[in-house]
Amino acid sequence: MGVSDLQFDRNAGPVVDLSARGMQKLEPSFTCSEDTHTLILDGNNIIKLDHLERNPGLQQLSVASNRLVRMMGVSRLTELRVLNLPNNSIGYIEGLRDLLHLKWLNLSGNNIKVIEQLNNCVSLQHLDLSDNNISAIGDLTKLVALKVSVLRPLNICSD
């Protein structure tokens, strides 16, 4: 599977698809069933990923084409394998320190300037950071499982 060819494994558990519902936020009471494997929130107007901690068993999360400016809300989803956040307004990579099982990360089409905070994601195999404003790349030496990395078009600015 290529980085840009995301297809959720719908056989691995229940999928909750709340795409294109005009959602602006997740309510404090938001929760999926305990065995929900995948949550899809694509094509809404969500700015922050609040209240996801009530869904600790999530393994796949997609919040593509929203208005996200931060991604810290994923930090407690320690079972995540797939995180799909393209086409938002995320300015920097955060909240991934405890996501040791993360294998697939798509942050394409955001406003990321520095590639950092990825070294704890030792299981990461697929990474897409294309179409960002990257000016610096931090240490990625611990990403030994990385098989696919899409950084194009990538313009490294030097001041």
N, C-alpha and C. Protein backbone atom coordinates (compact mmCIF):
# COMPACT_ATOMS: atom_id res chain seq x y z
N MET A 1 0.85 -1.18 0.00
CA MET A 1 0.00 0.00 0.00
C MET A 1 0.89 1.23 0.00
N GLY A 2 0.71 2.11 -0.94
CA GLY A 2 1.45 3.36 -0.99
C GLY A 2 0.88 4.35 0.00
N VAL A 3 1.68 5.35 0.32
CA VAL A 3 1.26 6.32 1.31
C VAL A 3 0.00 7.05 0.89
N SER A 4 -0.13 7.36 -0.38
CA SER A 4 -1.31 8.11 -0.82
C SER A 4 -2.49 7.20 -1.14
N ASP A 5 -2.34 5.91 -0.93
CA ASP A 5 -3.40 4.95 -1.25
C ASP A 5 -4.03 4.38 0.02
N LEU A 6 -4.44 5.23 0.93
CA LEU A 6 -4.99 4.76 2.19
C LEU A 6 -6.31 4.04 1.98
N GLN A 7 -6.36 2.82 2.47
CA GLN A 7 -7.60 2.06 2.50
C GLN A 7 -7.67 1.44 3.88
N PHE A 8 -8.70 1.80 4.62
CA PHE A 8 -8.82 1.28 5.97
C PHE A 8 -9.17 -0.20 5.95
N ASP A 9 -8.61 -0.91 6.90
CA ASP A 9 -8.91 -2.32 7.07
C ASP A 9 -10.25 -2.43 7.78
N ARG A 10 -11.31 -2.57 7.02
CA ARG A 10 -12.66 -2.60 7.58
C ARG A 10 -13.01 -3.96 8.17
N ASN A 11 -12.14 -4.93 8.04
CA ASN A 11 -12.38 -6.25 8.61
C ASN A 11 -11.81 -6.37 10.02
N ALA A 12 -11.05 -5.39 10.44
CA ALA A 12 -10.37 -5.48 11.73
C ALA A 12 -11.26 -5.07 12.90
N GLY A 13 -12.40 -4.48 12.64
CA GLY A 13 -13.28 -4.05 13.71
C GLY A 13 -14.25 -3.00 13.21
N PRO A 14 -15.18 -2.59 14.08
CA PRO A 14 -16.19 -1.62 13.69
C PRO A 14 -15.59 -0.28 13.23
N VAL A 15 -16.25 0.31 12.22
CA VAL A 15 -15.84 1.59 11.66
C VAL A 15 -16.94 2.61 11.94
N VAL A 16 -16.56 3.78 12.45
CA VAL A 16 -17.50 4.89 12.62
C VAL A 16 -17.10 5.95 11.61
N ASP A 17 -17.98 6.21 10.65
CA ASP A 17 -17.70 7.18 9.60
C ASP A 17 -18.63 8.38 9.76
N LEU A 18 -18.05 9.50 10.19
CA LEU A 18 -18.80 10.75 10.38
C LEU A 18 -18.31 11.81 9.40
N SER A 19 -18.00 11.39 8.20
CA SER A 19 -17.49 12.30 7.17
C SER A 19 -18.57 13.27 6.70
N ALA A 20 -18.13 14.48 6.35
CA ALA A 20 -18.98 15.49 5.70
C ALA A 20 -20.30 15.72 6.44
N ARG A 21 -20.20 15.93 7.75
CA ARG A 21 -21.39 16.19 8.57
C ARG A 21 -21.45 17.63 9.05
N GLY A 22 -20.51 18.46 8.59
CA GLY A 22 -20.48 19.86 9.03
C GLY A 22 -20.03 20.04 10.47
N MET A 23 -19.42 19.01 11.05
CA MET A 23 -18.98 19.07 12.45
C MET A 23 -17.88 20.12 12.61
N GLN A 24 -17.96 20.90 13.69
CA GLN A 24 -16.93 21.88 13.99
C GLN A 24 -16.05 21.43 15.15
N LYS A 25 -16.58 20.51 15.95
CA LYS A 25 -15.81 19.99 17.09
C LYS A 25 -16.42 18.68 17.54
N LEU A 26 -15.66 17.97 18.35
CA LEU A 26 -16.18 16.77 19.00
C LEU A 26 -16.68 17.19 20.38
N GLU A 27 -17.88 16.82 20.70
CA GLU A 27 -18.47 17.17 21.99
C GLU A 27 -17.77 16.41 23.12
N PRO A 28 -17.79 16.96 24.35
CA PRO A 28 -17.16 16.27 25.48
C PRO A 28 -17.71 14.87 25.71
N SER A 29 -18.95 14.65 25.34
CA SER A 29 -19.57 13.34 25.54
C SER A 29 -19.29 12.37 24.39
N PHE A 30 -18.52 12.81 23.38
CA PHE A 30 -18.26 11.97 22.21
C PHE A 30 -17.53 10.70 22.60
N THR A 31 -18.09 9.58 22.22
CA THR A 31 -17.43 8.30 22.43
C THR A 31 -17.95 7.29 21.41
N CYS A 32 -17.08 6.39 21.03
CA CYS A 32 -17.46 5.30 20.13
C CYS A 32 -17.61 4.05 21.00
N SER A 33 -18.15 3.00 20.44
CA SER A 33 -18.23 1.75 21.20
C SER A 33 -16.81 1.28 21.51
N GLU A 34 -16.70 0.51 22.56
CA GLU A 34 -15.39 0.08 23.04
C GLU A 34 -14.57 -0.66 22.00
N ASP A 35 -15.24 -1.37 21.11
CA ASP A 35 -14.52 -2.16 20.12
C ASP A 35 -14.34 -1.44 18.78
N THR A 36 -14.68 -0.14 18.73
CA THR A 36 -14.49 0.62 17.48
C THR A 36 -13.02 0.66 17.13
N HIS A 37 -12.72 0.29 15.93
CA HIS A 37 -11.36 0.17 15.43
C HIS A 37 -10.95 1.40 14.63
N THR A 38 -11.91 1.99 13.89
CA THR A 38 -11.62 3.06 12.94
C THR A 38 -12.62 4.20 13.10
N LEU A 39 -12.10 5.44 13.14
CA LEU A 39 -12.93 6.63 13.19
C LEU A 39 -12.55 7.53 12.02
N ILE A 40 -13.54 7.88 11.20
CA ILE A 40 -13.31 8.73 10.03
C ILE A 40 -14.11 10.01 10.20
N LEU A 41 -13.41 11.14 10.20
CA LEU A 41 -14.03 12.46 10.38
C LEU A 41 -13.69 13.38 9.21
N ASP A 42 -13.47 12.83 8.05
CA ASP A 42 -13.04 13.60 6.88
C ASP A 42 -14.10 14.61 6.43
N GLY A 43 -13.62 15.72 5.85
CA GLY A 43 -14.50 16.68 5.21
C GLY A 43 -15.44 17.43 6.13
N ASN A 44 -15.01 17.67 7.36
CA ASN A 44 -15.79 18.48 8.29
C ASN A 44 -15.08 19.83 8.47
N ASN A 45 -15.38 20.54 9.55
CA ASN A 45 -14.75 21.83 9.84
C ASN A 45 -14.09 21.81 11.21
N ILE A 46 -13.56 20.67 11.60
CA ILE A 46 -12.98 20.49 12.93
C ILE A 46 -11.65 21.24 13.02
N ILE A 47 -11.49 22.02 14.10
CA ILE A 47 -10.27 22.81 14.32
C ILE A 47 -9.34 22.12 15.31
N LYS A 48 -9.91 21.48 16.35
CA LYS A 48 -9.11 20.81 17.38
C LYS A 48 -9.61 19.39 17.60
N LEU A 49 -8.69 18.50 17.92
CA LEU A 49 -9.03 17.10 18.20
C LEU A 49 -9.22 16.91 19.70
N ASP A 50 -10.29 17.45 20.22
CA ASP A 50 -10.60 17.31 21.64
C ASP A 50 -11.45 16.06 21.88
N HIS A 51 -11.35 15.53 23.09
CA HIS A 51 -12.23 14.47 23.59
C HIS A 51 -12.04 13.11 22.91
N LEU A 52 -10.91 12.90 22.27
CA LEU A 52 -10.65 11.58 21.68
C LEU A 52 -10.18 10.57 22.72
N GLU A 53 -9.74 11.04 23.88
CA GLU A 53 -9.21 10.15 24.90
C GLU A 53 -10.25 9.14 25.39
N ARG A 54 -11.52 9.37 25.13
CA ARG A 54 -12.57 8.42 25.51
C ARG A 54 -12.63 7.22 24.57
N ASN A 55 -11.74 7.21 23.58
CA ASN A 55 -11.71 6.14 22.57
C ASN A 55 -10.30 5.54 22.48
N PRO A 56 -9.77 5.04 23.59
CA PRO A 56 -8.36 4.62 23.63
C PRO A 56 -8.04 3.43 22.73
N GLY A 57 -9.04 2.67 22.32
CA GLY A 57 -8.79 1.50 21.49
C GLY A 57 -8.71 1.77 20.00
N LEU A 58 -8.89 3.03 19.60
CA LEU A 58 -8.84 3.34 18.16
C LEU A 58 -7.50 2.94 17.57
N GLN A 59 -7.54 2.30 16.41
CA GLN A 59 -6.32 1.93 15.71
C GLN A 59 -6.13 2.72 14.43
N GLN A 60 -7.23 3.26 13.89
CA GLN A 60 -7.15 4.03 12.66
C GLN A 60 -7.98 5.29 12.82
N LEU A 61 -7.38 6.45 12.54
CA LEU A 61 -8.07 7.73 12.65
C LEU A 61 -7.78 8.55 11.41
N SER A 62 -8.85 9.05 10.79
CA SER A 62 -8.71 9.93 9.64
C SER A 62 -9.50 11.21 9.88
N VAL A 63 -8.80 12.34 9.81
CA VAL A 63 -9.43 13.65 9.94
C VAL A 63 -8.90 14.50 8.79
N ALA A 64 -9.10 14.01 7.58
CA ALA A 64 -8.61 14.68 6.37
C ALA A 64 -9.53 15.83 5.98
N SER A 65 -8.94 16.86 5.39
CA SER A 65 -9.70 17.98 4.83
C SER A 65 -10.64 18.62 5.84
N ASN A 66 -10.06 19.00 6.97
CA ASN A 66 -10.77 19.75 8.00
C ASN A 66 -10.05 21.09 8.16
N ARG A 67 -10.13 21.67 9.35
CA ARG A 67 -9.45 22.94 9.61
C ARG A 67 -8.52 22.82 10.81
N LEU A 68 -7.98 21.62 11.02
CA LEU A 68 -7.10 21.37 12.17
C LEU A 68 -5.89 22.30 12.16
N VAL A 69 -5.59 22.88 13.31
CA VAL A 69 -4.37 23.66 13.46
C VAL A 69 -3.39 22.94 14.39
N ARG A 70 -3.90 22.01 15.20
CA ARG A 70 -3.06 21.23 16.11
C ARG A 70 -3.46 19.77 16.02
N MET A 71 -2.52 18.91 16.40
CA MET A 71 -2.79 17.47 16.38
C MET A 71 -2.57 16.82 17.74
N MET A 72 -2.40 17.63 18.79
CA MET A 72 -2.10 17.11 20.12
C MET A 72 -3.15 16.14 20.63
N GLY A 73 -4.38 16.26 20.19
CA GLY A 73 -5.47 15.41 20.66
C GLY A 73 -5.27 13.92 20.42
N VAL A 74 -4.31 13.54 19.61
CA VAL A 74 -4.07 12.12 19.34
C VAL A 74 -3.16 11.48 20.39
N SER A 75 -2.59 12.27 21.27
CA SER A 75 -1.53 11.80 22.17
C SER A 75 -1.92 10.63 23.06
N ARG A 76 -3.19 10.49 23.40
CA ARG A 76 -3.62 9.40 24.28
C ARG A 76 -4.15 8.18 23.52
N LEU A 77 -4.10 8.25 22.21
CA LEU A 77 -4.57 7.12 21.40
C LEU A 77 -3.39 6.19 21.11
N THR A 78 -2.92 5.54 22.17
CA THR A 78 -1.66 4.79 22.10
C THR A 78 -1.75 3.52 21.26
N GLU A 79 -2.94 3.11 20.84
CA GLU A 79 -3.09 1.93 19.99
C GLU A 79 -3.13 2.28 18.51
N LEU A 80 -3.03 3.57 18.16
CA LEU A 80 -3.13 3.98 16.76
C LEU A 80 -2.07 3.31 15.90
N ARG A 81 -2.51 2.79 14.76
CA ARG A 81 -1.61 2.25 13.73
C ARG A 81 -1.59 3.16 12.52
N VAL A 82 -2.74 3.81 12.24
CA VAL A 82 -2.90 4.67 11.07
C VAL A 82 -3.41 6.03 11.52
N LEU A 83 -2.71 7.09 11.11
CA LEU A 83 -3.14 8.46 11.40
C LEU A 83 -3.10 9.25 10.11
N ASN A 84 -4.27 9.66 9.65
CA ASN A 84 -4.42 10.33 8.36
C ASN A 84 -4.96 11.74 8.59
N LEU A 85 -4.08 12.76 8.46
CA LEU A 85 -4.45 14.15 8.73
C LEU A 85 -4.08 15.09 7.58
N PRO A 86 -4.26 14.70 6.33
CA PRO A 86 -3.86 15.59 5.23
C PRO A 86 -4.85 16.73 5.03
N ASN A 87 -4.35 17.77 4.36
CA ASN A 87 -5.18 18.90 3.94
C ASN A 87 -5.89 19.59 5.10
N ASN A 88 -5.08 20.00 6.07
CA ASN A 88 -5.53 20.78 7.21
C ASN A 88 -4.64 22.01 7.30
N SER A 89 -4.52 22.60 8.48
CA SER A 89 -3.66 23.77 8.70
C SER A 89 -2.69 23.52 9.85
N ILE A 90 -2.28 22.27 10.02
CA ILE A 90 -1.38 21.89 11.12
C ILE A 90 -0.03 22.54 10.91
N GLY A 91 0.47 23.22 11.96
CA GLY A 91 1.72 23.96 11.86
C GLY A 91 2.94 23.18 12.31
N TYR A 92 2.76 22.23 13.21
CA TYR A 92 3.91 21.44 13.66
C TYR A 92 3.46 20.07 14.13
N ILE A 93 4.41 19.15 14.11
CA ILE A 93 4.15 17.76 14.49
C ILE A 93 4.21 17.66 16.01
N GLU A 94 3.17 17.10 16.62
CA GLU A 94 3.12 16.98 18.08
C GLU A 94 2.22 15.81 18.47
N GLY A 95 2.35 15.39 19.72
CA GLY A 95 1.45 14.38 20.26
C GLY A 95 1.73 12.95 19.86
N LEU A 96 2.88 12.69 19.27
CA LEU A 96 3.18 11.35 18.77
C LEU A 96 4.10 10.54 19.69
N ARG A 97 4.59 11.14 20.76
CA ARG A 97 5.60 10.51 21.60
C ARG A 97 5.22 9.10 22.07
N ASP A 98 3.96 8.89 22.44
CA ASP A 98 3.54 7.60 22.98
C ASP A 98 2.85 6.70 21.95
N LEU A 99 2.90 7.08 20.69
CA LEU A 99 2.25 6.28 19.64
C LEU A 99 3.26 5.29 19.05
N LEU A 100 3.66 4.35 19.87
CA LEU A 100 4.72 3.41 19.51
C LEU A 100 4.30 2.41 18.43
N HIS A 101 2.99 2.23 18.23
CA HIS A 101 2.49 1.27 17.23
C HIS A 101 2.18 1.93 15.89
N LEU A 102 2.35 3.25 15.80
CA LEU A 102 1.98 3.97 14.58
C LEU A 102 2.82 3.50 13.40
N LYS A 103 2.13 3.03 12.35
CA LYS A 103 2.82 2.52 11.16
C LYS A 103 2.63 3.42 9.95
N TRP A 104 1.58 4.21 9.93
CA TRP A 104 1.18 4.95 8.73
C TRP A 104 0.79 6.36 9.14
N LEU A 105 1.51 7.37 8.64
CA LEU A 105 1.25 8.76 9.01
C LEU A 105 1.20 9.62 7.75
N ASN A 106 0.08 10.30 7.55
CA ASN A 106 -0.06 11.21 6.42
C ASN A 106 -0.36 12.61 6.95
N LEU A 107 0.59 13.52 6.76
CA LEU A 107 0.44 14.92 7.14
C LEU A 107 0.61 15.82 5.93
N SER A 108 0.33 15.31 4.75
CA SER A 108 0.51 16.09 3.52
C SER A 108 -0.48 17.25 3.48
N GLY A 109 -0.09 18.31 2.77
CA GLY A 109 -0.99 19.44 2.57
C GLY A 109 -1.30 20.22 3.82
N ASN A 110 -0.32 20.39 4.70
CA ASN A 110 -0.48 21.19 5.91
C ASN A 110 0.49 22.37 5.87
N ASN A 111 0.80 22.96 7.02
CA ASN A 111 1.73 24.09 7.10
C ASN A 111 2.95 23.76 7.94
N ILE A 112 3.38 22.51 7.90
CA ILE A 112 4.49 22.06 8.73
C ILE A 112 5.80 22.61 8.18
N LYS A 113 6.61 23.20 9.09
CA LYS A 113 7.87 23.81 8.70
C LYS A 113 9.08 22.96 9.12
N VAL A 114 8.93 22.24 10.22
CA VAL A 114 10.05 21.46 10.76
C VAL A 114 9.59 20.01 10.95
N ILE A 115 10.39 19.09 10.43
CA ILE A 115 10.10 17.66 10.64
C ILE A 115 10.84 17.25 11.90
N GLU A 116 10.07 17.05 12.97
CA GLU A 116 10.62 16.61 14.25
C GLU A 116 9.52 15.89 15.02
N GLN A 117 9.86 15.42 16.20
CA GLN A 117 8.91 14.71 17.06
C GLN A 117 8.48 13.36 16.48
N LEU A 118 9.29 12.78 15.62
CA LEU A 118 8.93 11.49 15.02
C LEU A 118 9.78 10.34 15.53
N ASN A 119 10.85 10.62 16.24
CA ASN A 119 11.81 9.57 16.60
C ASN A 119 11.25 8.48 17.50
N ASN A 120 10.20 8.74 18.26
CA ASN A 120 9.61 7.70 19.09
C ASN A 120 8.69 6.77 18.30
N CYS A 121 8.36 7.15 17.10
CA CYS A 121 7.47 6.34 16.25
C CYS A 121 8.28 5.27 15.53
N VAL A 122 8.86 4.37 16.32
CA VAL A 122 9.81 3.40 15.79
C VAL A 122 9.16 2.36 14.87
N SER A 123 7.85 2.23 14.90
CA SER A 123 7.15 1.29 14.02
C SER A 123 6.74 1.92 12.70
N LEU A 124 6.97 3.22 12.54
CA LEU A 124 6.52 3.95 11.36
C LEU A 124 7.11 3.37 10.08
N GLN A 125 6.22 2.99 9.15
CA GLN A 125 6.64 2.42 7.86
C GLN A 125 6.31 3.34 6.70
N HIS A 126 5.25 4.11 6.81
CA HIS A 126 4.79 4.98 5.72
C HIS A 126 4.64 6.40 6.26
N LEU A 127 5.26 7.36 5.58
CA LEU A 127 5.24 8.75 6.01
C LEU A 127 5.05 9.65 4.79
N ASP A 128 4.04 10.52 4.85
CA ASP A 128 3.80 11.47 3.76
C ASP A 128 3.77 12.88 4.34
N LEU A 129 4.75 13.68 3.97
CA LEU A 129 4.84 15.08 4.40
C LEU A 129 4.88 16.00 3.19
N SER A 130 4.39 15.54 2.07
CA SER A 130 4.42 16.35 0.85
C SER A 130 3.51 17.57 0.99
N ASP A 131 3.78 18.57 0.18
CA ASP A 131 2.97 19.79 0.15
C ASP A 131 2.88 20.49 1.50
N ASN A 132 4.03 20.66 2.14
CA ASN A 132 4.16 21.43 3.37
C ASN A 132 5.18 22.53 3.11
N ASN A 133 5.49 23.32 4.12
CA ASN A 133 6.47 24.40 4.00
C ASN A 133 7.71 24.06 4.81
N ILE A 134 8.28 22.90 4.57
CA ILE A 134 9.37 22.38 5.40
C ILE A 134 10.66 23.15 5.17
N SER A 135 11.25 23.61 6.29
CA SER A 135 12.52 24.34 6.22
C SER A 135 13.63 23.62 6.96
N ALA A 136 13.29 22.61 7.77
CA ALA A 136 14.31 21.87 8.52
C ALA A 136 13.83 20.44 8.78
N ILE A 137 14.77 19.52 8.75
CA ILE A 137 14.48 18.12 9.04
C ILE A 137 15.28 17.71 10.26
N GLY A 138 14.58 17.26 11.31
CA GLY A 138 15.24 16.83 12.53
C GLY A 138 15.76 15.40 12.40
N ASP A 139 16.12 14.83 13.54
CA ASP A 139 16.69 13.49 13.58
C ASP A 139 15.63 12.43 13.30
N LEU A 140 15.86 11.64 12.28
CA LEU A 140 14.94 10.55 11.92
C LEU A 140 15.65 9.20 11.97
N THR A 141 16.81 9.14 12.63
CA THR A 141 17.64 7.93 12.59
C THR A 141 16.99 6.71 13.25
N LYS A 142 16.05 6.91 14.16
CA LYS A 142 15.41 5.77 14.83
C LYS A 142 14.26 5.18 14.03
N LEU A 143 13.95 5.77 12.90
CA LEU A 143 12.84 5.28 12.08
C LEU A 143 13.33 4.19 11.13
N VAL A 144 13.84 3.12 11.72
CA VAL A 144 14.46 2.05 10.94
C VAL A 144 13.44 1.22 10.16
N ALA A 145 12.17 1.25 10.55
CA ALA A 145 11.14 0.49 9.85
C ALA A 145 10.57 1.25 8.65
N LEU A 146 10.96 2.51 8.49
CA LEU A 146 10.38 3.36 7.43
C LEU A 146 10.68 2.78 6.05
N LYS A 147 9.60 2.48 5.30
CA LYS A 147 9.73 1.92 3.96
C LYS A 147 9.39 2.94 2.90
N VAL A 148 8.37 3.75 3.16
CA VAL A 148 7.91 4.73 2.18
C VAL A 148 7.88 6.10 2.83
N SER A 149 8.55 7.03 2.19
CA SER A 149 8.54 8.41 2.66
C SER A 149 8.29 9.31 1.47
N VAL A 150 7.22 10.05 1.52
CA VAL A 150 6.88 10.96 0.44
C VAL A 150 7.11 12.38 0.93
N LEU A 151 8.11 13.02 0.37
CA LEU A 151 8.43 14.39 0.75
C LEU A 151 8.30 15.33 -0.43
N ARG A 152 7.88 14.85 -1.56
CA ARG A 152 7.81 15.69 -2.76
C ARG A 152 6.40 16.21 -2.94
N PRO A 153 6.16 17.40 -3.46
CA PRO A 153 7.22 18.38 -3.69
C PRO A 153 7.69 18.96 -2.36
N LEU A 154 8.99 18.91 -2.17
CA LEU A 154 9.60 19.38 -0.93
C LEU A 154 10.60 20.46 -1.26
N ASN A 155 10.38 21.62 -0.74
CA ASN A 155 11.31 22.74 -0.91
C ASN A 155 11.90 23.07 0.44
N ILE A 156 13.17 22.79 0.60
CA ILE A 156 13.85 23.14 1.83
C ILE A 156 14.37 24.56 1.68
N CYS A 157 13.86 25.45 2.49
CA CYS A 157 14.27 26.85 2.42
C CYS A 157 15.51 27.05 3.27
N SER A 158 16.45 27.83 2.80
CA SER A 158 17.62 28.14 3.60
C SER A 158 17.74 29.65 3.71
N ASP A 159 17.78 30.11 4.95
CA ASP A 159 17.88 31.55 5.19
C ASP A 159 19.29 31.92 5.58
